Amino acid sequence: MPLNLEQKKAVVAEVAEVAGSALSAIAAEYRGLTVEEMTELRVKARESGVYLRVIKNTLVRRAVEGTEFACMQDELTGPLVFAFSQEDPGSAARVIKDFAKEHKKLEVRIVALGGKLLQPSDIEALAKMPTYDQAISMLMAVMKAPVEKLARTLNEVPGKLVRTVAAIRDAKEAA
């Protein structure tokens, strides 16, 4: 059923709002997937905090205009499903990549991150990006390492002294 003008405006406004706050975007061709498979993809996307929607390309062109995903406009051809990462840059890439492993008919066509259009093969690198919590824990580990090493080094001085005194005591007792 075709959308009327008001419905189209609402869709463009919704997608523009999502694209304005999204961290990355993936567009994949879904030709050949069944309704059940698309429903499964939508469920996985919802669980991962990814906005997933099938939208006409002309409406997406208008919606991403003025956002960092305007670079996608020239590549919009064919039936595409759009995934926008809301929480971390790699979440949409992980959802699409994992789903494409099981369903060969889902083909990644567009990958956009930070206002730049990437190659579809770059979805692997984007999917491997750490989540926010993982990045914070990695940063904290790097920041904590020098302090721990200093504490171990300072603790080694009295430990070495105690071992030396114990060795001298043992040597005198043996004599």
Protein backbone atom coordinates (compact mmCIF):
# COMPACT_ATOMS: atom_id res chain seq x y z
CA MET A 1 0.00 0.00 0.00
CA PRO A 2 1.57 3.29 -1.05
CA LEU A 3 2.18 6.00 1.51
CA ASN A 4 0.46 9.36 1.24
CA LEU A 5 2.42 12.61 1.50
CA GLU A 6 1.92 13.02 5.25
CA GLN A 7 3.08 9.48 5.95
CA LYS A 8 6.15 10.03 3.78
CA LYS A 9 6.97 13.23 5.68
CA ALA A 10 6.63 11.36 8.96
CA VAL A 11 8.97 8.59 7.76
CA VAL A 12 11.54 11.12 6.54
CA ALA A 13 11.37 13.01 9.84
CA GLU A 14 11.77 9.81 11.87
CA VAL A 15 14.72 8.56 9.83
CA ALA A 16 16.34 12.02 9.85
CA GLU A 17 16.10 12.09 13.65
CA VAL A 18 17.63 8.63 13.94
CA ALA A 19 20.36 9.41 11.39
CA GLY A 20 21.19 12.64 13.23
CA SER A 21 22.04 10.76 16.41
CA ALA A 22 23.37 7.52 14.89
CA LEU A 23 27.04 6.54 15.08
CA SER A 24 27.20 4.36 11.96
CA ALA A 25 24.93 3.13 9.20
CA ILE A 26 24.79 -0.07 7.19
CA ALA A 27 22.63 -0.71 4.12
CA ALA A 28 22.19 -4.27 2.89
CA GLU A 29 20.28 -5.76 0.00
CA TYR A 30 17.66 -8.16 1.34
CA ARG A 31 16.33 -9.55 -1.96
CA GLY A 32 15.35 -13.20 -1.49
CA LEU A 33 14.85 -13.19 2.29
CA THR A 34 11.55 -14.48 3.63
CA VAL A 35 9.27 -12.58 5.97
CA GLU A 36 10.28 -14.88 8.84
CA GLU A 37 13.97 -14.18 8.20
CA MET A 38 13.37 -10.42 8.10
CA THR A 39 11.42 -10.68 11.36
CA GLU A 40 14.33 -12.57 12.91
CA LEU A 41 16.71 -9.82 11.74
CA ARG A 42 14.46 -7.14 13.24
CA VAL A 43 14.37 -8.96 16.59
CA LYS A 44 18.17 -9.27 16.69
CA ALA A 45 18.53 -5.59 15.78
CA ARG A 46 16.09 -4.51 18.49
CA GLU A 47 17.96 -6.57 21.09
CA SER A 48 21.23 -4.88 20.11
CA GLY A 49 19.90 -1.31 20.14
CA VAL A 50 20.00 -0.97 16.36
CA TYR A 51 17.36 0.96 14.40
CA LEU A 52 16.48 -1.27 11.44
CA ARG A 53 14.03 -0.31 8.73
CA VAL A 54 13.17 -0.95 5.11
CA ILE A 55 12.54 2.42 3.48
CA LYS A 56 12.28 3.67 -0.08
CA ASN A 57 15.59 5.00 -1.30
CA THR A 58 14.11 8.36 -2.29
CA LEU A 59 12.88 8.88 1.27
CA VAL A 60 16.27 7.91 2.70
CA ARG A 61 17.99 10.40 0.38
CA ARG A 62 15.86 13.18 1.86
CA ALA A 63 16.24 11.91 5.42
CA VAL A 64 20.05 11.70 5.44
CA GLU A 65 20.47 15.07 3.76
CA GLY A 66 22.33 17.34 6.16
CA THR A 67 23.56 14.47 8.36
CA GLU A 68 26.92 12.74 8.35
CA PHE A 69 25.33 9.96 6.31
CA ALA A 70 24.72 12.19 3.27
CA CYS A 71 27.66 10.35 1.68
CA MET A 72 25.31 7.37 1.20
CA GLN A 73 22.97 9.20 -1.18
CA ASP A 74 24.69 8.25 -4.46
CA GLU A 75 24.86 4.53 -3.58
CA LEU A 76 21.15 4.02 -2.82
CA THR A 77 19.91 1.54 -5.42
CA GLY A 78 17.85 -1.60 -5.15
CA PRO A 79 15.85 -2.97 -2.23
CA LEU A 80 17.81 -2.02 0.89
CA VAL A 81 17.35 -2.50 4.61
CA PHE A 82 18.97 0.26 6.69
CA ALA A 83 20.56 -0.30 10.09
CA PHE A 84 21.64 2.65 12.23
CA SER A 85 23.82 2.08 15.31
CA GLN A 86 22.44 4.01 18.25
CA GLU A 87 24.62 2.84 21.16
CA ASP A 88 28.06 2.02 19.73
CA PRO A 89 29.49 2.27 16.21
CA GLY A 90 29.90 -1.48 15.73
CA SER A 91 26.49 -2.72 16.85
CA ALA A 92 24.75 -2.48 13.45
CA ALA A 93 27.77 -4.05 11.75
CA ARG A 94 27.75 -6.95 14.22
CA VAL A 95 24.02 -7.60 13.72
CA ILE A 96 24.18 -7.47 9.91
CA LYS A 97 27.45 -9.44 9.68
CA ASP A 98 26.21 -12.22 11.98
CA PHE A 99 22.89 -12.45 10.17
CA ALA A 100 24.60 -12.48 6.76
CA LYS A 101 26.71 -15.47 7.85
CA GLU A 102 23.57 -17.57 8.25
CA HIS A 103 21.62 -16.02 5.36
CA LYS A 104 23.72 -15.64 2.23
CA LYS A 105 21.01 -13.62 0.47
CA LEU A 106 21.62 -10.61 2.74
CA GLU A 107 24.38 -8.68 0.98
CA VAL A 108 26.06 -5.63 2.53
CA ARG A 109 26.09 -2.76 0.04
CA ILE A 110 26.86 0.43 2.02
CA VAL A 111 28.88 1.04 5.18
CA ALA A 112 29.08 4.60 6.53
CA LEU A 113 30.94 5.81 9.61
CA GLY A 114 31.80 9.33 10.69
CA GLY A 115 30.68 10.97 7.46
CA LYS A 116 32.75 8.64 5.29
CA LEU A 117 31.63 5.89 2.98
CA LEU A 118 33.58 2.67 3.57
CA GLN A 119 33.89 -0.44 1.46
CA PRO A 120 31.34 -3.19 2.19
CA SER A 121 34.24 -5.45 3.18
CA ASP A 122 35.07 -3.00 6.00
CA ILE A 123 32.06 -4.30 7.92
CA GLU A 124 34.41 -6.88 9.50
CA ALA A 125 36.62 -4.17 11.02
CA LEU A 126 33.61 -2.14 12.14
CA ALA A 127 32.01 -5.20 13.77
CA LYS A 128 35.21 -5.85 15.75
CA MET A 129 35.17 -2.38 17.30
CA PRO A 130 34.74 -2.58 21.06
CA THR A 131 31.53 -1.49 22.74
CA TYR A 132 31.58 1.53 25.02
CA ASP A 133 31.99 -0.61 28.15
CA GLN A 134 34.78 -2.67 26.56
CA ALA A 135 36.62 0.49 25.48
CA ILE A 136 36.37 1.97 28.98
CA SER A 137 37.68 -1.24 30.57
CA MET A 138 40.59 -1.33 28.10
CA LEU A 139 41.41 2.30 28.89
CA MET A 140 41.25 1.67 32.63
CA ALA A 141 43.56 -1.35 32.28
CA VAL A 142 46.09 0.76 30.39
CA MET A 143 45.86 3.55 32.97
CA LYS A 144 46.12 1.13 35.92
CA ALA A 145 49.14 -0.84 34.65
CA PRO A 146 51.88 1.73 35.47
CA VAL A 147 50.53 2.26 38.97
CA GLU A 148 50.45 -1.49 39.63
CA LYS A 149 54.00 -1.89 38.33
CA LEU A 150 55.22 0.95 40.56
CA ALA A 151 53.52 -0.63 43.58
CA ARG A 152 55.11 -4.03 42.82
CA THR A 153 58.53 -2.42 42.35
CA LEU A 154 58.30 -0.47 45.62
CA ASN A 155 57.09 -3.59 47.43
CA GLU A 156 60.05 -5.58 46.07
CA VAL A 157 62.64 -3.44 47.96
CA PRO A 158 61.58 -4.47 51.51
CA GLY A 159 60.91 -8.02 50.30
CA LYS A 160 64.44 -8.31 48.96
CA LEU A 161 65.82 -6.89 52.23
CA VAL A 162 63.88 -9.45 54.26
CA ARG A 163 65.13 -12.30 52.04
CA THR A 164 68.73 -11.06 52.38
CA VAL A 165 68.49 -10.83 56.20
CA ALA A 166 66.90 -14.31 56.32
CA ALA A 167 69.72 -15.70 54.18
CA ILE A 168 72.36 -14.13 56.49
CA ARG A 169 70.56 -15.54 59.55
CA ASP A 170 70.42 -19.01 58.00
CA ALA A 171 74.10 -18.79 57.12
CA LYS A 172 75.03 -17.83 60.72
CA GLU A 173 72.84 -20.57 62.19
CA ALA A 174 74.45 -23.14 59.93
CA ALA A 175 77.93 -22.04 60.99
